[in-house]
Structure formats: structure tokens, C-alpha cells
């Protein structure tokens, strides 16, 4: 039995599935927004927001539906991966632009590398602040222990 994946025709129900042989051929068309959301593991609302922010282009069919392909899946997954490690949405733009320029990886371009460097500097500054806080807490804890021992 053929495995059903979005974007090809299943003649028995007239629904769309990819990679399903139809009369010896495999029918293929772009994904609609719901299919992209499912494939990328996100929501249509998030995709529309990415589009609104200029991170996801949405070519339209003649009927007005958005028409996505595998390159859009790659862009969405790049955004998600970067967001998961703490990048602001706008920080993902150089990576998306790099993919759109035809690079295999979103971090192949100088602007993306610059964002990595900036983010590392931000993390290092934050770690330095956390070290100061930790040292202050240790000093307060030690002082509290001393006062408690002196009070006994």
C-alpha cells in the first residue's frame, strides 16, 4: 500500500497526497498554508505572522491560495530552530535571507555569522552578570551563616 504524504492525488477520495502514484505518474503541487504548518510543526497563525514580518514569502495561486514548497519548509524550520535557542524573530532574518539566496545552510552567509557573534557576546555578558549575582548571593549566605553561628 502506498504511503500517503501531502501534495498528490488520491483518486479514491479526490484528496491531495504526495508521492502516491496516479496512473503511473506522481502528481505534485505546492502546499497550502495548512499543509505547510503541519509539515513544519507549527500553526497557520505563526506562518501568517512570518509572512507579515517579511520572513516567509507567500506566492499566490490564481485562486488566491498561498502556494508553498519544500524551500518554505526549510525556512520555517530554520526560524523555529533559531527561536528555540533564544533568537528574537528579527534575528532570524539573515539566516532566512541566506537560504533564500540559494545557500544550503542558513548560516553560510556573513550576516548570519555576525548574528552568531553578537548573540555569543550577549550570552557572555549575561553570564558575567549572573556570576556577579551568584557571588553576591554566596557572600550574603556566608554572612547569614556567620550571624546565625554568633547568635547561638
N, C-alpha and C. Protein backbone atom coordinates (compact mmCIF):
# COMPACT_ATOMS: atom_id res chain seq x y z
N UNK A 1 0.84 -1.19 0.00
CA UNK A 1 0.00 0.00 0.00
C UNK A 1 0.88 1.24 0.00
N UNK A 2 0.52 2.22 -0.80
CA UNK A 2 1.30 3.45 -0.92
C UNK A 2 1.18 4.28 0.35
N UNK A 3 2.29 4.88 0.75
CA UNK A 3 2.30 5.78 1.90
C UNK A 3 1.75 7.13 1.47
N UNK A 4 0.87 7.71 2.25
CA UNK A 4 0.26 8.99 1.91
C UNK A 4 0.97 10.12 2.60
N UNK A 5 1.39 11.08 1.80
CA UNK A 5 2.06 12.28 2.29
C UNK A 5 1.44 13.44 1.53
N UNK A 6 1.25 14.62 2.13
CA UNK A 6 0.58 15.72 1.43
C UNK A 6 1.17 16.03 0.05
N UNK A 7 0.34 16.38 -0.88
CA UNK A 7 0.58 17.01 -2.18
C UNK A 7 0.46 16.15 -3.40
N UNK A 8 -0.30 15.14 -3.42
CA UNK A 8 -0.54 14.38 -4.65
C UNK A 8 -1.99 13.92 -4.64
N UNK A 9 -2.46 13.30 -5.66
CA UNK A 9 -3.88 12.97 -5.74
C UNK A 9 -4.16 11.55 -5.29
N UNK A 10 -5.13 11.38 -4.46
CA UNK A 10 -5.65 10.08 -4.07
C UNK A 10 -6.99 9.97 -4.79
N UNK A 11 -7.04 9.18 -5.85
CA UNK A 11 -8.24 9.11 -6.69
C UNK A 11 -9.47 8.62 -5.96
N UNK A 12 -9.30 7.82 -4.91
CA UNK A 12 -10.46 7.26 -4.24
C UNK A 12 -11.30 8.32 -3.54
N UNK A 13 -10.67 9.38 -3.09
CA UNK A 13 -11.41 10.44 -2.39
C UNK A 13 -11.21 11.80 -3.02
N UNK A 14 -10.35 11.89 -4.02
CA UNK A 14 -10.09 13.18 -4.64
C UNK A 14 -9.32 14.12 -3.75
N UNK A 15 -8.66 13.59 -2.71
CA UNK A 15 -7.89 14.42 -1.80
C UNK A 15 -6.45 14.49 -2.25
N UNK A 16 -5.68 15.39 -1.67
CA UNK A 16 -4.29 15.59 -2.08
C UNK A 16 -3.33 14.82 -1.20
N UNK A 17 -2.45 14.07 -1.84
CA UNK A 17 -1.38 13.35 -1.15
C UNK A 17 -0.16 13.29 -2.05
N UNK A 18 1.04 13.36 -1.46
CA UNK A 18 2.27 13.36 -2.27
C UNK A 18 2.81 11.96 -2.45
N UNK A 19 3.48 11.78 -3.53
CA UNK A 19 4.17 10.53 -3.75
C UNK A 19 3.26 9.36 -4.01
N UNK A 20 1.98 9.57 -4.18
CA UNK A 20 1.06 8.48 -4.46
C UNK A 20 0.94 8.34 -5.97
N UNK A 21 1.29 7.19 -6.50
CA UNK A 21 1.19 7.02 -7.95
C UNK A 21 -0.24 7.17 -8.42
N UNK A 22 -0.42 7.92 -9.49
CA UNK A 22 -1.73 8.11 -10.09
C UNK A 22 -1.57 7.77 -11.56
N UNK A 23 -2.08 6.61 -11.97
CA UNK A 23 -1.95 6.20 -13.36
C UNK A 23 -0.50 6.13 -13.80
N UNK A 24 0.40 5.66 -12.91
CA UNK A 24 1.79 5.53 -13.26
C UNK A 24 2.60 6.81 -13.05
N UNK A 25 1.94 7.94 -12.80
CA UNK A 25 2.63 9.21 -12.57
C UNK A 25 2.45 9.63 -11.12
N UNK A 26 3.32 10.48 -10.67
CA UNK A 26 3.16 11.06 -9.34
C UNK A 26 2.73 12.50 -9.53
N UNK A 27 1.54 12.82 -9.05
CA UNK A 27 1.01 14.17 -9.17
C UNK A 27 1.60 15.01 -8.07
N UNK A 28 2.01 16.22 -8.39
CA UNK A 28 2.61 17.08 -7.38
C UNK A 28 2.13 18.51 -7.57
N UNK A 29 1.85 19.18 -6.47
CA UNK A 29 1.51 20.58 -6.48
C UNK A 29 2.07 21.19 -5.21
N UNK A 30 2.06 22.49 -5.12
CA UNK A 30 2.56 23.13 -3.92
C UNK A 30 1.66 22.88 -2.72
N UNK A 31 2.16 23.23 -1.57
CA UNK A 31 1.39 23.07 -0.34
C UNK A 31 0.57 24.32 -0.08
N UNK A 32 -0.55 24.11 0.54
CA UNK A 32 -1.31 25.25 1.05
C UNK A 32 -0.82 25.51 2.47
N UNK A 33 -1.29 26.58 3.05
CA UNK A 33 -0.75 27.02 4.34
C UNK A 33 -0.94 25.98 5.45
N UNK A 34 -2.08 25.31 5.46
CA UNK A 34 -2.31 24.29 6.48
C UNK A 34 -1.37 23.10 6.34
N UNK A 35 -1.07 22.74 5.11
CA UNK A 35 -0.14 21.65 4.85
C UNK A 35 1.27 22.03 5.28
N UNK A 36 1.67 23.26 5.00
CA UNK A 36 2.98 23.73 5.43
C UNK A 36 3.06 23.73 6.95
N UNK A 37 2.02 24.21 7.60
CA UNK A 37 2.00 24.26 9.07
C UNK A 37 2.16 22.85 9.65
N UNK A 38 1.43 21.90 9.11
CA UNK A 38 1.51 20.52 9.59
C UNK A 38 2.89 19.94 9.34
N UNK A 39 3.41 20.13 8.14
CA UNK A 39 4.72 19.60 7.78
C UNK A 39 5.83 20.19 8.64
N UNK A 40 5.76 21.48 8.90
CA UNK A 40 6.80 22.16 9.67
C UNK A 40 6.56 22.09 11.18
N UNK A 41 5.40 21.62 11.59
CA UNK A 41 5.12 21.50 13.02
C UNK A 41 4.83 22.83 13.68
N UNK A 42 4.09 23.69 12.99
CA UNK A 42 3.74 24.99 13.56
C UNK A 42 2.27 25.27 13.25
N UNK A 43 1.86 26.51 13.42
CA UNK A 43 0.48 26.88 13.18
C UNK A 43 0.36 27.79 11.96
N UNK A 44 -0.82 27.84 11.40
CA UNK A 44 -1.05 28.76 10.29
C UNK A 44 -0.92 30.20 10.76
N UNK A 45 -1.28 30.45 12.01
CA UNK A 45 -1.15 31.80 12.56
C UNK A 45 0.31 32.23 12.58
N UNK A 46 1.21 31.33 12.98
CA UNK A 46 2.64 31.64 13.00
C UNK A 46 3.14 31.91 11.58
N UNK A 47 2.70 31.10 10.63
CA UNK A 47 3.13 31.29 9.25
C UNK A 47 2.67 32.63 8.70
N UNK A 48 1.44 33.00 9.00
CA UNK A 48 0.94 34.31 8.55
C UNK A 48 1.73 35.44 9.20
N UNK A 49 2.12 35.25 10.45
CA UNK A 49 2.94 36.26 11.14
C UNK A 49 4.31 36.37 10.48
N UNK A 50 4.93 35.23 10.17
CA UNK A 50 6.22 35.26 9.48
C UNK A 50 6.08 35.98 8.14
N UNK A 51 4.97 35.73 7.47
CA UNK A 51 4.72 36.41 6.19
C UNK A 51 4.59 37.92 6.41
N UNK A 52 3.83 38.29 7.42
CA UNK A 52 3.63 39.71 7.74
C UNK A 52 4.95 40.40 8.06
N UNK A 53 5.86 39.69 8.71
CA UNK A 53 7.16 40.24 9.08
C UNK A 53 8.17 40.16 7.94
N UNK A 54 7.78 39.60 6.80
CA UNK A 54 8.65 39.53 5.64
C UNK A 54 9.65 38.39 5.67
N UNK A 55 9.46 37.43 6.55
CA UNK A 55 10.37 36.29 6.65
C UNK A 55 9.94 35.12 5.77
N UNK A 56 8.71 35.08 5.39
CA UNK A 56 8.18 33.99 4.58
C UNK A 56 7.42 34.60 3.42
N UNK A 57 7.90 34.33 2.22
CA UNK A 57 7.18 34.83 1.06
C UNK A 57 6.04 33.87 0.77
N UNK A 58 4.97 34.39 0.26
CA UNK A 58 3.79 33.56 0.02
C UNK A 58 3.29 33.77 -1.40
N UNK A 59 3.89 33.08 -2.35
CA UNK A 59 3.37 33.19 -3.71
C UNK A 59 1.92 32.73 -3.74
N UNK A 60 1.13 33.37 -4.54
CA UNK A 60 -0.29 33.05 -4.59
C UNK A 60 -0.65 32.37 -5.90
N UNK A 61 -1.57 31.44 -5.80
CA UNK A 61 -2.13 30.82 -6.99
C UNK A 61 -3.17 31.78 -7.57
N UNK A 62 -3.67 31.42 -8.73
CA UNK A 62 -4.68 32.28 -9.36
C UNK A 62 -5.95 32.36 -8.51
N UNK A 63 -6.22 31.33 -7.70
CA UNK A 63 -7.40 31.34 -6.84
C UNK A 63 -7.16 32.09 -5.53
N UNK A 64 -5.95 32.64 -5.34
CA UNK A 64 -5.64 33.42 -4.15
C UNK A 64 -5.01 32.63 -3.01
N UNK A 65 -5.01 31.31 -3.11
CA UNK A 65 -4.37 30.50 -2.06
C UNK A 65 -2.86 30.67 -2.11
N UNK A 66 -2.26 30.64 -0.91
CA UNK A 66 -0.80 30.65 -0.84
C UNK A 66 -0.29 29.32 -1.38
N UNK A 67 0.87 29.34 -1.99
CA UNK A 67 1.44 28.14 -2.60
C UNK A 67 2.87 27.98 -2.11
N UNK A 68 3.10 26.99 -1.25
CA UNK A 68 4.41 26.78 -0.65
C UNK A 68 5.06 25.52 -1.20
N UNK A 69 6.39 25.43 -1.06
CA UNK A 69 7.11 24.23 -1.46
C UNK A 69 8.12 23.87 -0.37
N UNK A 70 8.99 22.92 -0.67
CA UNK A 70 9.96 22.45 0.32
C UNK A 70 10.91 23.55 0.79
N UNK A 71 11.18 24.54 -0.06
CA UNK A 71 12.06 25.63 0.38
C UNK A 71 11.42 26.41 1.53
N UNK A 72 10.11 26.51 1.52
CA UNK A 72 9.41 27.20 2.61
C UNK A 72 9.47 26.39 3.90
N UNK A 73 9.40 25.07 3.77
CA UNK A 73 9.54 24.20 4.95
C UNK A 73 10.91 24.44 5.57
N UNK A 74 11.93 24.51 4.74
CA UNK A 74 13.30 24.73 5.23
C UNK A 74 13.42 26.07 5.95
N UNK A 75 12.80 27.12 5.39
CA UNK A 75 12.84 28.45 6.01
C UNK A 75 12.15 28.41 7.37
N UNK A 76 10.97 27.80 7.43
CA UNK A 76 10.22 27.75 8.69
C UNK A 76 11.00 26.97 9.74
N UNK A 77 11.60 25.87 9.34
CA UNK A 77 12.38 25.07 10.29
C UNK A 77 13.62 25.83 10.78
N UNK A 78 14.22 26.61 9.90
CA UNK A 78 15.36 27.44 10.31
C UNK A 78 14.92 28.45 11.36
N UNK A 79 13.79 29.10 11.12
CA UNK A 79 13.25 30.07 12.08
C UNK A 79 12.99 29.38 13.41
N UNK A 80 12.33 28.23 13.37
CA UNK A 80 12.00 27.50 14.60
C UNK A 80 13.25 27.10 15.38
N UNK A 81 14.25 26.60 14.68
CA UNK A 81 15.48 26.17 15.34
C UNK A 81 16.15 27.33 16.05
N UNK A 82 16.22 28.45 15.37
CA UNK A 82 16.85 29.63 15.98
C UNK A 82 16.02 30.18 17.13
N UNK A 83 14.72 30.17 17.00
CA UNK A 83 13.85 30.66 18.08
C UNK A 83 13.99 29.77 19.32
N UNK A 84 14.16 28.46 19.10
CA UNK A 84 14.30 27.53 20.22
C UNK A 84 15.55 27.79 21.05
N UNK A 85 16.57 28.38 20.44
CA UNK A 85 17.79 28.68 21.21
C UNK A 85 17.84 30.14 21.65
N UNK A 86 16.69 30.82 21.56
CA UNK A 86 16.58 32.14 22.14
C UNK A 86 16.70 33.32 21.21
N UNK A 87 16.73 33.09 19.91
CA UNK A 87 16.82 34.21 18.98
C UNK A 87 15.48 34.92 18.89
N UNK A 88 15.54 36.25 18.84
CA UNK A 88 14.34 37.03 18.54
C UNK A 88 13.99 36.79 17.08
N UNK A 89 12.75 36.95 16.73
CA UNK A 89 12.32 36.69 15.37
C UNK A 89 13.14 37.49 14.36
N UNK A 90 13.39 38.75 14.65
CA UNK A 90 14.13 39.59 13.71
C UNK A 90 15.58 39.09 13.54
N UNK A 91 16.14 38.46 14.57
CA UNK A 91 17.49 37.92 14.47
C UNK A 91 17.59 36.76 13.48
N UNK A 92 16.47 36.17 13.12
CA UNK A 92 16.48 35.05 12.17
C UNK A 92 16.57 35.53 10.72
N UNK A 93 16.32 36.81 10.48
CA UNK A 93 16.27 37.33 9.11
C UNK A 93 17.51 37.04 8.27
N UNK A 94 18.74 37.27 8.78
CA UNK A 94 19.91 36.97 7.94
C UNK A 94 20.01 35.50 7.54
N UNK A 95 19.55 34.61 8.40
CA UNK A 95 19.57 33.18 8.11
C UNK A 95 18.55 32.85 7.01
N UNK A 96 17.37 33.45 7.13
CA UNK A 96 16.33 33.26 6.12
C UNK A 96 16.80 33.82 4.78
N UNK A 97 17.38 35.01 4.82
CA UNK A 97 17.88 35.63 3.58
C UNK A 97 18.95 34.75 2.93
N UNK A 98 19.78 34.13 3.74
CA UNK A 98 20.84 33.26 3.23
C UNK A 98 20.23 32.05 2.52
N UNK A 99 19.21 31.45 3.12
CA UNK A 99 18.53 30.33 2.48
C UNK A 99 17.87 30.76 1.18
N UNK A 100 17.21 31.91 1.21
CA UNK A 100 16.54 32.42 0.01
C UNK A 100 17.52 32.70 -1.12
N UNK A 101 18.77 33.03 -0.75
CA UNK A 101 19.80 33.31 -1.75
C UNK A 101 20.32 32.02 -2.39
N UNK A 102 19.83 30.89 -1.92
CA UNK A 102 20.19 29.62 -2.52
C UNK A 102 21.24 28.82 -1.77
N UNK A 103 21.65 29.29 -0.61
CA UNK A 103 22.64 28.56 0.17
C UNK A 103 21.99 27.34 0.83
N UNK A 104 22.77 26.31 0.98
CA UNK A 104 22.27 25.07 1.58
C UNK A 104 21.95 25.25 3.06
N UNK A 105 22.74 26.07 3.75
CA UNK A 105 22.56 26.31 5.18
C UNK A 105 22.31 27.80 5.41
N UNK A 106 21.48 28.10 6.41
CA UNK A 106 21.16 29.48 6.71
C UNK A 106 22.30 30.26 7.33
N UNK A 107 23.30 29.56 7.83
CA UNK A 107 24.43 30.26 8.45
C UNK A 107 25.67 30.27 7.56
N UNK A 108 25.45 30.18 6.26
CA UNK A 108 26.56 30.21 5.30
C UNK A 108 26.96 31.62 4.90
N UNK A 109 26.20 32.61 5.30
CA UNK A 109 26.44 33.98 4.85
C UNK A 109 27.04 34.83 5.96
N UNK A 110 27.81 35.85 5.60
CA UNK A 110 28.48 36.71 6.59
C UNK A 110 27.51 37.37 7.58
N UNK A 111 26.34 37.78 7.12
CA UNK A 111 25.40 38.44 8.04
C UNK A 111 24.91 37.48 9.12
N UNK A 112 24.73 36.23 8.77
CA UNK A 112 24.30 35.24 9.75
C UNK A 112 25.42 34.98 10.76
N UNK A 113 26.64 34.89 10.28
CA UNK A 113 27.79 34.70 11.17
C UNK A 113 27.90 35.87 12.15
N UNK A 114 27.64 37.08 11.65
CA UNK A 114 27.67 38.27 12.51
C UNK A 114 26.62 38.17 13.62
N UNK A 115 25.45 37.63 13.29
CA UNK A 115 24.41 37.46 14.32
C UNK A 115 24.87 36.45 15.35
N UNK A 116 25.47 35.34 14.92
CA UNK A 116 26.02 34.38 15.89
C UNK A 116 27.00 35.07 16.84
N UNK A 117 27.90 35.84 16.27
CA UNK A 117 28.91 36.52 17.11
C UNK A 117 28.25 37.48 18.10
N UNK A 118 27.27 38.23 17.63
CA UNK A 118 26.56 39.16 18.52
C UNK A 118 25.83 38.41 19.62
N UNK A 119 25.17 37.31 19.26
CA UNK A 119 24.44 36.53 20.26
C UNK A 119 25.39 35.93 21.29
N UNK A 120 26.56 35.46 20.84
CA UNK A 120 27.55 34.91 21.78
C UNK A 120 28.01 36.00 22.74
N UNK A 121 28.25 37.20 22.24
CA UNK A 121 28.65 38.32 23.10
C UNK A 121 27.55 38.64 24.12
N UNK A 122 26.30 38.60 23.67
CA UNK A 122 25.17 38.85 24.59
C UNK A 122 25.12 37.78 25.68
N UNK A 123 25.30 36.53 25.30
CA UNK A 123 25.28 35.43 26.27
C UNK A 123 26.43 35.58 27.26
N UNK A 124 27.61 35.90 26.76
CA UNK A 124 28.76 36.07 27.65
C UNK A 124 28.55 37.22 28.63
N UNK A 125 27.96 38.32 28.17
CA UNK A 125 27.67 39.45 29.07
C UNK A 125 26.65 39.03 30.13
N UNK A 126 25.66 38.26 29.71
CA UNK A 126 24.65 37.79 30.66
C UNK A 126 25.27 36.83 31.67
N UNK A 127 26.15 35.96 31.21
CA UNK A 127 26.83 35.05 32.13
C UNK A 127 27.67 35.82 33.14
N UNK A 128 28.32 36.88 32.70
CA UNK A 128 29.12 37.72 33.61
C UNK A 128 28.21 38.33 34.68
N UNK A 129 27.04 38.81 34.26
CA UNK A 129 26.08 39.37 35.23
C UNK A 129 25.62 38.29 36.20
N UNK A 130 25.35 37.11 35.70
CA UNK A 130 24.92 36.02 36.58
C UNK A 130 26.02 35.64 37.57
N UNK A 131 27.27 35.68 37.13
CA UNK A 131 28.37 35.39 38.04
C UNK A 131 28.43 36.42 39.17
N UNK A 132 28.20 37.68 38.86
CA UNK A 132 28.18 38.73 39.89
C UNK A 132 27.05 38.45 40.88
N UNK A 133 25.89 38.13 40.38
CA UNK A 133 24.74 37.83 41.25
C UNK A 133 25.05 36.62 42.13
N UNK A 134 25.60 35.56 41.52
CA UNK A 134 25.96 34.36 42.29
C UNK A 134 26.94 34.70 43.40
N UNK A 135 27.96 35.50 43.09
CA UNK A 135 28.95 35.87 44.10
C UNK A 135 28.31 36.67 45.22
N UNK A 136 27.42 37.58 44.89
CA UNK A 136 26.72 38.36 45.92
C UNK A 136 25.86 37.46 46.79
N UNK A 137 25.16 36.50 46.17
CA UNK A 137 24.34 35.57 46.95
C UNK A 137 25.19 34.71 47.87
N UNK A 138 26.33 34.25 47.40
CA UNK A 138 27.23 33.46 48.24
C UNK A 138 27.73 34.27 49.43
N UNK A 139 28.05 35.54 49.18
CA UNK A 139 28.52 36.41 50.27
C UNK A 139 27.41 36.62 51.29
N UNK A 140 26.20 36.84 50.83
CA UNK A 140 25.07 37.03 51.75
C UNK A 140 24.78 35.75 52.54
N UNK A 141 24.89 34.62 51.87
CA UNK A 141 24.68 33.34 52.56
C UNK A 141 25.74 33.14 53.63
N UNK A 142 26.98 33.42 53.30
CA UNK A 142 28.07 33.27 54.27
C UNK A 142 27.86 34.20 55.46
N UNK A 143 27.46 35.44 55.17
CA UNK A 143 27.21 36.40 56.25
C UNK A 143 26.05 35.94 57.12
N UNK A 144 25.03 35.40 56.51
CA UNK A 144 23.87 34.91 57.28
C UNK A 144 24.28 33.75 58.18
N UNK A 145 25.11 32.84 57.66
CA UNK A 145 25.60 31.72 58.47
C UNK A 145 26.43 32.21 59.65
N UNK A 146 27.29 33.21 59.41
CA UNK A 146 28.11 33.76 60.48
C UNK A 146 27.24 34.38 61.58
N UNK A 147 26.27 35.17 61.17
CA UNK A 147 25.38 35.79 62.15
C UNK A 147 24.62 34.73 62.95
N UNK A 148 24.22 33.70 62.29
CA UNK A 148 23.45 32.65 62.96
C UNK A 148 24.34 31.91 63.98
N UNK A 149 25.59 31.63 63.56
CA UNK A 149 26.51 30.95 64.47
C UNK A 149 26.88 31.82 65.65
N UNK A 150 27.03 33.12 65.41
CA UNK A 150 27.36 34.06 66.50
C UNK A 150 26.20 34.22 67.45
N UNK A 151 25.00 34.07 66.94
CA UNK A 151 23.81 34.22 67.77
C UNK A 151 23.52 33.02 68.62
N UNK A 152 24.15 31.90 68.34
CA UNK A 152 23.91 30.67 69.13
C UNK A 152 24.81 30.59 70.31
